[in-house]
Amino acid sequence: MGSHDDHRFSPLITLTTDFGLRDSYVAEVKGVLLEQAPGCQLVDISHAIERHDVLEGSFVLSCAALRFPARAVHLAVVDPGVGTDRRALVARCDGRLFVAPDNGLLTAVFDRSERIELWTIDAEQLDLPPAHPTFHGRDLFAPVAARLAVGLEPAAVGPPASDPCRAVPPAVRSIDGSLEATVLHVDHFGNVIIGLRPEHLDGALPTTLETGPDRWNLQPALTYGGADPRFVLVLWGSAGYLEIAMARDSAAQRLGLAAGDRVRVGRGAGAGGNC
């Protein structure tokens, strides 16, 4: 039997949303999961995704989900198109199950998976009550995630699907010897994660950063500890992307950056100070 039929373990469901924690939305979703998958373990990946930011949600989900046991079901809801005709999907990616809107939220997971299977959720086939048009997270996605967690086969949720929507970040562009790329995420510490991987830069860390009219020299680093707090650091972060940071300070605040911003990096004048 597959890992989802192994009853030695309690059901495990992760949650990734842009719901925040001020309102009742997360608790309502968890209530449905606990009612329909009694004894399940619920793990919050994040509820602080920037509102409607599918690209950031995709990045955060992919960083965490692939660290979990294969038996986990990953429920992800960043859904600006809720209530429209966008599809609701179940995806099995290298054996891992995901429940999400078909709006690009699973893009980063797809990019890191070798085998992808998709099904469109059919609420009538599952005999689900009508979902409120503004809260599919609670009324559609959560019941499906709960059923999958307790053993429902993904093929039972509805017909096979293909051609999922992908959230494609603005392209990395080469401009006058520098690379222009997008900020994917700013973490809790103010570290700025940019959509550049080692292959974009031949493994070499850049030494300059341009943020609009401002230009900064970067201090290459392996980690944050022991760095001079006056300098803006550049390193390869734990997710495998280029990261701009400051020791014991917020690089995002210092540089005025947020998810979605475009920046340029290059290998200009010597690193170390700030311009």
Protein backbone atom coordinates (compact mmCIF):
# COMPACT_ATOMS: atom_id res chain seq x y z
CA MET A 1 0.00 0.00 0.00
CA GLY A 2 1.05 3.62 -0.51
CA SER A 3 2.11 5.91 2.29
CA HIS A 4 -1.38 7.47 2.48
CA ASP A 5 -2.83 4.08 3.45
CA ASP A 6 -0.36 3.55 6.27
CA HIS A 7 -2.49 3.78 9.42
CA ARG A 8 0.50 3.72 11.75
CA PHE A 9 0.55 7.49 11.37
CA SER A 10 -2.14 10.08 12.01
CA PRO A 11 -3.21 12.21 9.05
CA LEU A 12 -0.94 15.20 8.41
CA ILE A 13 -2.10 18.39 6.68
CA THR A 14 -0.11 21.58 6.11
CA LEU A 15 -1.65 24.99 5.47
CA THR A 16 -0.31 27.88 3.40
CA THR A 17 -2.57 30.92 2.95
CA ASP A 18 -2.68 34.70 2.73
CA PHE A 19 -5.46 34.81 5.34
CA GLY A 20 -3.42 36.40 8.13
CA LEU A 21 -4.28 35.74 11.78
CA ARG A 22 -6.46 38.73 12.61
CA ASP A 23 -9.73 37.15 11.46
CA SER A 24 -11.43 33.81 11.95
CA TYR A 25 -10.56 32.42 8.52
CA VAL A 26 -7.65 30.17 9.48
CA ALA A 27 -9.56 28.80 12.47
CA GLU A 28 -12.61 28.08 10.29
CA VAL A 29 -10.49 26.09 7.85
CA LYS A 30 -8.83 24.19 10.69
CA GLY A 31 -12.23 23.44 12.22
CA VAL A 32 -13.37 21.78 9.01
CA LEU A 33 -10.16 19.76 8.79
CA LEU A 34 -10.39 18.58 12.38
CA GLU A 35 -14.05 17.65 12.00
CA GLN A 36 -13.57 15.71 8.79
CA ALA A 37 -10.15 14.20 9.54
CA PRO A 38 -10.33 13.50 13.30
CA GLY A 39 -6.95 13.29 14.98
CA CYS A 40 -5.09 14.89 12.09
CA GLN A 41 -1.95 16.89 12.67
CA LEU A 42 -2.16 20.42 11.35
CA VAL A 43 1.04 22.31 10.54
CA ASP A 44 1.04 25.95 9.51
CA ILE A 45 3.57 26.73 6.81
CA SER A 46 2.48 30.37 6.63
CA HIS A 47 -0.60 32.54 6.80
CA ALA A 48 1.41 35.71 6.19
CA ILE A 49 1.76 35.51 2.42
CA GLU A 50 1.23 38.99 1.01
CA ARG A 51 -2.43 39.35 0.07
CA HIS A 52 -3.15 37.83 -3.36
CA ASP A 53 0.58 37.30 -4.05
CA VAL A 54 0.51 33.95 -5.83
CA LEU A 55 4.21 34.12 -6.72
CA GLU A 56 5.30 34.60 -3.11
CA GLY A 57 2.91 31.87 -1.97
CA SER A 58 4.35 29.50 -4.54
CA PHE A 59 7.89 30.17 -3.33
CA VAL A 60 7.09 29.74 0.38
CA LEU A 61 5.03 26.60 -0.21
CA SER A 62 7.78 24.92 -2.23
CA CYS A 63 10.45 25.72 0.36
CA ALA A 64 8.57 23.95 3.14
CA ALA A 65 6.37 21.30 1.57
CA LEU A 66 9.18 19.20 0.17
CA ARG A 67 10.64 18.86 3.68
CA PHE A 68 7.59 16.96 4.97
CA PRO A 69 6.90 13.24 4.97
CA ALA A 70 5.37 12.07 1.70
CA ARG A 71 2.13 11.19 3.52
CA ALA A 72 1.37 14.88 4.18
CA VAL A 73 -1.42 16.65 2.29
CA HIS A 74 -0.58 20.27 1.51
CA LEU A 75 -3.52 22.68 1.48
CA ALA A 76 -2.63 25.99 -0.16
CA VAL A 77 -5.01 28.91 -0.63
CA VAL A 78 -3.87 32.20 -2.10
CA ASP A 79 -6.87 32.73 -4.31
CA PRO A 80 -7.64 36.19 -5.73
CA GLY A 81 -9.94 34.46 -8.26
CA VAL A 82 -12.13 32.77 -5.63
CA GLY A 83 -15.66 32.20 -6.86
CA THR A 84 -14.75 32.49 -10.54
CA ASP A 85 -14.43 29.70 -13.08
CA ARG A 86 -10.76 29.00 -12.24
CA ARG A 87 -10.27 25.30 -11.58
CA ALA A 88 -9.73 23.70 -8.19
CA LEU A 89 -6.96 21.11 -8.34
CA VAL A 90 -5.49 18.13 -6.59
CA ALA A 91 -1.91 17.53 -7.65
CA ARG A 92 0.36 14.59 -6.91
CA CYS A 93 3.95 15.68 -7.36
CA ASP A 94 6.54 12.95 -6.90
CA GLY A 95 4.03 11.23 -4.61
CA ARG A 96 3.16 14.31 -2.53
CA LEU A 97 -0.43 15.59 -2.52
CA PHE A 98 -1.43 19.25 -2.92
CA VAL A 99 -4.85 20.89 -2.90
CA ALA A 100 -4.97 24.38 -4.38
CA PRO A 101 -6.61 26.72 -6.88
CA ASP A 102 -5.34 26.48 -10.43
CA ASN A 103 -3.80 29.94 -10.49
CA GLY A 104 -0.05 29.30 -10.44
CA LEU A 105 0.23 28.69 -6.72
CA LEU A 106 1.82 25.28 -7.35
CA THR A 107 4.32 26.56 -9.94
CA ALA A 108 7.44 26.27 -7.77
CA VAL A 109 6.40 22.80 -6.62
CA PHE A 110 5.91 21.76 -10.26
CA ASP A 111 9.33 23.14 -11.14
CA ARG A 112 10.95 20.95 -8.50
CA SER A 113 9.01 17.77 -9.35
CA GLU A 114 9.77 15.08 -11.90
CA ARG A 115 6.34 13.43 -12.04
CA ILE A 116 3.14 15.49 -11.86
CA GLU A 117 -0.42 14.15 -11.90
CA LEU A 118 -3.46 16.44 -11.80
CA TRP A 119 -7.17 16.14 -11.14
CA THR A 120 -9.94 18.76 -11.23
CA ILE A 121 -12.05 18.76 -8.07
CA ASP A 122 -15.70 17.99 -8.85
CA ALA A 123 -17.78 19.08 -5.85
CA GLU A 124 -20.90 17.27 -7.13
CA GLN A 125 -19.02 14.00 -7.60
CA LEU A 126 -17.79 14.31 -4.00
CA ASP A 127 -21.30 15.22 -2.80
CA LEU A 128 -20.04 18.39 -1.15
CA PRO A 129 -22.49 21.08 -0.08
CA PRO A 130 -22.40 24.26 -2.20
CA ALA A 131 -19.34 26.34 -1.36
CA HIS A 132 -19.73 29.97 -0.43
CA PRO A 133 -18.39 31.89 -3.44
CA THR A 134 -16.01 33.93 -1.27
CA PHE A 135 -14.59 31.08 0.86
CA HIS A 136 -13.57 28.05 -1.17
CA GLY A 137 -10.69 27.54 1.26
CA ARG A 138 -13.14 26.48 3.95
CA ASP A 139 -15.95 24.95 1.90
CA LEU A 140 -14.13 23.25 -0.99
CA PHE A 141 -10.39 22.88 -0.51
CA ALA A 142 -10.46 21.94 3.20
CA PRO A 143 -13.00 19.10 2.85
CA VAL A 144 -11.04 17.66 -0.07
CA ALA A 145 -7.73 17.89 1.82
CA ALA A 146 -9.32 16.17 4.82
CA ARG A 147 -10.64 13.31 2.71
CA LEU A 148 -7.29 12.82 1.02
CA ALA A 149 -5.55 12.80 4.39
CA VAL A 150 -7.72 9.94 5.62
CA GLY A 151 -7.22 7.83 2.50
CA LEU A 152 -9.32 9.05 -0.43
CA GLU A 153 -7.55 8.34 -3.70
CA PRO A 154 -6.81 11.51 -5.67
CA ALA A 155 -8.47 10.07 -8.78
CA ALA A 156 -11.75 10.03 -6.84
CA VAL A 157 -11.96 13.83 -6.56
CA GLY A 158 -12.78 14.35 -10.24
CA PRO A 159 -11.49 13.96 -13.79
CA PRO A 160 -7.82 14.11 -14.75
CA ALA A 161 -6.50 17.57 -15.60
CA SER A 162 -3.66 18.98 -17.66
CA ASP A 163 -2.04 22.31 -18.57
CA PRO A 164 -2.06 23.87 -15.10
CA CYS A 165 -1.72 27.62 -14.78
CA ARG A 166 1.81 28.76 -13.94
CA ALA A 167 2.85 31.92 -12.15
CA VAL A 168 5.81 33.05 -14.18
CA PRO A 169 7.92 35.79 -12.56
CA PRO A 170 9.18 38.55 -14.82
CA ALA A 171 12.14 37.21 -16.74
CA VAL A 172 15.72 37.59 -15.61
CA ARG A 173 17.19 40.15 -17.97
CA SER A 174 20.78 40.96 -18.84
CA ILE A 175 21.27 44.74 -19.00
CA ASP A 176 24.64 46.40 -19.52
CA GLY A 177 26.55 43.62 -17.80
CA SER A 178 24.16 43.30 -14.86
CA LEU A 179 21.18 41.00 -14.24
CA GLU A 180 17.71 42.31 -13.49
CA ALA A 181 15.48 40.02 -11.44
CA THR A 182 12.47 39.99 -9.10
CA VAL A 183 12.31 39.93 -5.31
CA LEU A 184 10.44 36.69 -4.54
CA HIS A 185 10.07 37.11 -0.80
CA VAL A 186 11.10 39.15 2.21
CA ASP A 187 11.37 36.97 5.29
CA HIS A 188 10.65 37.75 8.94
CA PHE A 189 14.21 38.99 9.45
CA GLY A 190 14.07 41.39 6.52
CA ASN A 191 16.27 39.22 4.32
CA VAL A 192 15.53 39.85 0.63
CA ILE A 193 15.28 36.71 -1.50
CA ILE A 194 15.80 37.36 -5.21
CA GLY A 195 14.83 35.08 -8.08
CA LEU A 196 18.40 34.25 -9.04
CA ARG A 197 20.05 30.87 -8.56
CA PRO A 198 23.75 29.98 -8.85
CA GLU A 199 23.34 28.97 -12.49
CA HIS A 200 22.28 32.52 -13.37
CA LEU A 201 25.60 33.87 -12.06
CA ASP A 202 27.92 30.94 -12.73
CA GLY A 203 27.99 30.40 -8.97
CA ALA A 204 29.67 33.76 -8.32
CA LEU A 205 28.16 36.22 -5.87
CA PRO A 206 27.52 39.72 -7.22
CA THR A 207 29.20 42.73 -5.67
CA THR A 208 26.70 45.49 -6.51
CA LEU A 209 22.96 45.98 -6.14
CA GLU A 210 20.83 48.63 -7.81
CA THR A 211 17.40 49.46 -6.39
CA GLY A 212 15.95 52.13 -8.60
CA PRO A 213 18.21 55.19 -8.34
CA ASP A 214 20.29 53.75 -5.48
CA ARG A 215 23.39 51.61 -5.85
CA TRP A 216 24.88 49.51 -3.07
CA ASN A 217 28.13 47.64 -2.74
CA LEU A 218 27.64 44.13 -1.40
CA GLN A 219 29.76 42.15 1.05
CA PRO A 220 29.90 38.45 0.00
CA ALA A 221 29.21 36.16 2.95
CA LEU A 222 28.52 32.55 3.84
CA THR A 223 26.16 33.39 6.70
CA TYR A 224 24.94 36.29 8.85
CA GLY A 225 26.87 35.61 12.02
CA GLY A 226 29.99 37.65 12.63
CA ALA A 227 29.35 40.04 9.74
CA ASP A 228 29.88 43.76 10.16
CA PRO A 229 26.36 45.17 10.72
CA ARG A 230 27.21 48.24 8.66
CA PHE A 231 27.50 46.25 5.46
CA VAL A 232 24.85 44.91 3.10
CA LEU A 233 25.55 41.19 2.70
CA VAL A 234 24.99 38.90 -0.28
CA LEU A 235 24.91 35.12 0.04
CA TRP A 236 23.27 31.98 -1.27
CA GLY A 237 20.33 31.39 1.06
CA SER A 238 19.06 28.08 2.38
CA ALA A 239 16.39 27.92 -0.35
CA GLY A 240 19.09 28.08 -3.03
CA TYR A 241 18.37 31.65 -4.14
CA LEU A 242 20.38 34.84 -3.95
CA GLU A 243 19.79 36.62 -0.66
CA ILE A 244 20.50 40.20 0.42
CA ALA A 245 20.81 40.57 4.18
CA MET A 246 22.20 42.60 7.05
CA ALA A 247 23.57 41.30 10.34
CA ARG A 248 21.00 41.95 13.08
CA ASP A 249 19.05 44.37 10.89
CA SER A 250 16.45 44.36 8.11
CA ALA A 251 17.94 44.65 4.65
CA ALA A 252 14.44 45.14 3.23
CA GLN A 253 13.86 48.21 5.38
CA ARG A 254 17.35 49.56 4.79
CA LEU A 255 17.04 49.20 1.01
CA GLY A 256 13.31 49.89 0.71
CA LEU A 257 12.50 46.55 -0.94
CA ALA A 258 9.40 44.34 -0.99
CA ALA A 259 8.25 41.20 -2.78
CA GLY A 260 7.65 41.89 -6.45
CA ASP A 261 10.25 44.66 -6.76
CA ARG A 262 12.79 44.53 -9.58
CA VAL A 263 16.48 44.90 -8.77
CA ARG A 264 19.77 44.67 -10.65
CA VAL A 265 22.90 42.89 -9.48
CA GLY A 266 26.33 43.00 -11.02
CA ARG A 267 30.02 42.58 -10.46
CA GLY A 268 31.19 46.17 -10.38
CA ALA A 269 33.61 48.00 -8.08
CA GLY A 270 35.05 46.33 -4.99
CA ALA A 271 32.68 45.08 -2.33
CA GLY A 272 32.52 46.11 1.27
CA GLY A 273 31.14 49.60 1.74
CA ASN A 274 27.81 51.12 0.77
CA CYS A 275 27.26 53.73 -1.91
